[in-house]
């Protein structure tokens, strides 16, 4: 990744923290675009042009891919979407994510799961898929340090 892009992303996160302190930003949804960018850096993903494909964000050599970002310092729950609508799920854990293990120091940790791995996380009450009661135990598939 180009140093200019790394610096811009690092500066962005510093400013997001400041805007959160000022109560200007109250949501983390805009971070999905950065997660998609990071995953396309590591994987050959062709993102959907509309950004609104049902159940997935793009396609790679293994099929449809869903990408999520988790950076919450207060919540651990991570919605996994519907694994019947994609073949692989990628999650990017940001610098402040409660789902990060303290073993890893890089700014962003990327985990890749097959849809079959996601299906074991079905909520029996609602039928939805989610995970995240504790930090991820396994080593990340990819990691990115902005420094």
Protein backbone atom coordinates (compact mmCIF):
# COMPACT_ATOMS: atom_id res chain seq x y z
CA UNK A 1 0.00 0.00 0.00
CA UNK A 2 1.35 3.43 -0.91
CA UNK A 3 2.74 5.50 1.97
CA UNK A 4 0.48 8.44 1.04
CA UNK A 5 -2.59 6.21 1.38
CA UNK A 6 -1.33 4.78 4.69
CA UNK A 7 -0.75 8.27 6.10
CA UNK A 8 -4.15 9.49 4.94
CA UNK A 9 -5.92 6.54 6.60
CA UNK A 10 -3.92 7.00 9.83
CA UNK A 11 -4.74 10.74 9.91
CA UNK A 12 -8.38 9.94 9.24
CA UNK A 13 -8.60 7.72 12.32
CA UNK A 14 -6.93 10.34 14.49
CA UNK A 15 -9.53 12.87 13.33
CA UNK A 16 -12.40 10.43 13.83
CA UNK A 17 -11.30 9.99 17.46
CA UNK A 18 -11.27 13.77 17.90
CA UNK A 19 -14.72 14.14 16.32
CA UNK A 20 -16.04 11.40 18.59
CA UNK A 21 -14.67 13.24 21.63
CA UNK A 22 -16.55 16.31 20.40
CA UNK A 23 -19.71 14.20 19.90
CA UNK A 24 -19.81 15.13 16.21
CA UNK A 25 -19.56 11.52 14.99
CA UNK A 26 -21.94 9.09 16.65
CA UNK A 27 -21.78 6.12 14.26
CA UNK A 28 -19.15 3.81 12.77
CA UNK A 29 -20.98 2.86 9.56
CA UNK A 30 -18.75 4.94 7.27
CA UNK A 31 -15.82 2.70 8.17
CA UNK A 32 -17.14 -0.09 5.96
CA UNK A 33 -15.68 1.64 2.91
CA UNK A 34 -12.22 1.62 4.46
CA UNK A 35 -12.62 -2.07 5.38
CA UNK A 36 -13.54 -2.84 1.78
CA UNK A 37 -10.50 -0.91 0.54
CA UNK A 38 -8.18 -2.78 2.93
CA UNK A 39 -9.56 -6.17 1.90
CA UNK A 40 -9.18 -5.36 -1.81
CA UNK A 41 -5.56 -4.52 -1.05
CA UNK A 42 -4.99 -8.05 0.27
CA UNK A 43 -7.41 -10.02 -1.89
CA UNK A 44 -8.36 -9.72 -5.54
CA UNK A 45 -11.92 -8.58 -4.87
CA UNK A 46 -13.99 -6.83 -7.47
CA UNK A 47 -16.32 -4.64 -5.45
CA UNK A 48 -19.89 -4.24 -6.64
CA UNK A 49 -20.30 -0.92 -8.46
CA UNK A 50 -23.55 -0.02 -6.75
CA UNK A 51 -22.34 -0.84 -3.25
CA UNK A 52 -25.80 -2.24 -2.60
CA UNK A 53 -25.64 -5.83 -3.77
CA UNK A 54 -27.92 -7.92 -1.56
CA UNK A 55 -25.85 -9.95 0.90
CA UNK A 56 -22.39 -9.32 -0.49
CA UNK A 57 -19.97 -6.51 -1.30
CA UNK A 58 -18.00 -8.01 -4.15
CA UNK A 59 -16.64 -11.09 -5.88
CA UNK A 60 -13.25 -12.79 -5.80
CA UNK A 61 -11.90 -16.05 -7.23
CA UNK A 62 -13.89 -18.04 -4.62
CA UNK A 63 -17.22 -16.31 -5.24
CA UNK A 64 -19.24 -13.68 -3.41
CA UNK A 65 -17.59 -11.85 -0.50
CA UNK A 66 -19.18 -9.95 2.39
CA UNK A 67 -16.94 -7.39 4.15
CA UNK A 68 -17.52 -5.89 7.60
CA UNK A 69 -15.60 -3.54 9.84
CA UNK A 70 -15.50 -3.73 13.63
CA UNK A 71 -13.96 -0.93 15.60
CA UNK A 72 -16.25 -0.53 18.59
CA UNK A 73 -14.73 0.15 21.99
CA UNK A 74 -18.03 -0.58 23.74
CA UNK A 75 -19.66 -3.51 21.88
CA UNK A 76 -18.41 -6.92 20.86
CA UNK A 77 -21.33 -8.18 18.76
CA UNK A 78 -20.59 -8.54 15.05
CA UNK A 79 -23.39 -9.14 12.54
CA UNK A 80 -22.33 -11.74 9.98
CA UNK A 81 -25.08 -11.13 7.44
CA UNK A 82 -26.63 -14.13 5.72
CA UNK A 83 -24.01 -16.78 4.81
CA UNK A 84 -26.39 -18.17 2.17
CA UNK A 85 -25.74 -14.97 0.19
CA UNK A 86 -21.92 -15.18 0.08
CA UNK A 87 -19.11 -17.73 -0.06
CA UNK A 88 -16.64 -15.86 2.16
CA UNK A 89 -16.88 -13.33 4.97
CA UNK A 90 -14.07 -10.86 5.67
CA UNK A 91 -13.92 -8.78 8.82
CA UNK A 92 -11.45 -5.99 9.47
CA UNK A 93 -10.80 -5.29 13.15
CA UNK A 94 -9.76 -1.69 13.66
CA UNK A 95 -7.26 -0.34 16.18
CA UNK A 96 -9.87 0.01 18.96
CA UNK A 97 -11.99 -3.09 18.37
CA UNK A 98 -12.91 -5.06 21.48
CA UNK A 99 -12.67 -8.19 19.31
CA UNK A 100 -8.89 -7.81 18.96
CA UNK A 101 -6.51 -10.01 20.88
CA UNK A 102 -3.85 -8.00 22.69
CA UNK A 103 -1.24 -10.28 21.05
CA UNK A 104 -1.39 -8.33 17.78
CA UNK A 105 -0.10 -4.79 17.41
CA UNK A 106 -0.82 -3.97 13.76
CA UNK A 107 -3.46 -1.30 13.20
CA UNK A 108 -5.86 -3.50 11.22
CA UNK A 109 -6.40 -7.24 11.51
CA UNK A 110 -8.21 -9.08 8.69
CA UNK A 111 -9.98 -12.39 9.23
CA UNK A 112 -11.46 -14.52 6.44
CA UNK A 113 -14.19 -17.08 7.11
CA UNK A 114 -16.04 -19.39 4.74
CA UNK A 115 -19.83 -19.23 4.75
CA UNK A 116 -19.82 -22.71 6.35
CA UNK A 117 -17.72 -21.36 9.24
CA UNK A 118 -20.20 -18.51 9.66
CA UNK A 119 -23.23 -20.83 9.72
CA UNK A 120 -22.19 -22.26 13.11
CA UNK A 121 -22.89 -18.80 14.59
CA UNK A 122 -26.64 -18.85 13.93
CA UNK A 123 -28.76 -17.38 16.72
CA UNK A 124 -31.38 -20.02 17.53
CA UNK A 125 -33.94 -17.39 18.61
CA UNK A 126 -33.78 -14.97 15.69
CA UNK A 127 -32.18 -17.07 12.95
CA UNK A 128 -29.62 -14.30 12.36
CA UNK A 129 -25.86 -14.84 12.37
CA UNK A 130 -23.50 -13.04 14.73
CA UNK A 131 -20.42 -13.57 16.84
CA UNK A 132 -18.09 -11.68 19.10
CA UNK A 133 -18.58 -12.30 22.79
CA UNK A 134 -14.78 -12.41 23.21
CA UNK A 135 -11.68 -11.44 21.22
CA UNK A 136 -10.85 -13.61 18.21
CA UNK A 137 -8.54 -16.38 19.31
CA UNK A 138 -6.90 -17.37 16.04
CA UNK A 139 -4.19 -15.48 14.22
CA UNK A 140 -5.44 -12.94 11.66
CA UNK A 141 -5.20 -13.94 8.02
CA UNK A 142 -3.73 -10.56 7.11
CA UNK A 143 -2.67 -7.47 9.02
CA UNK A 144 -1.83 -3.90 8.13
CA UNK A 145 0.27 -1.40 10.05
CA UNK A 146 -0.07 2.25 9.02
CA UNK A 147 3.19 3.36 10.62
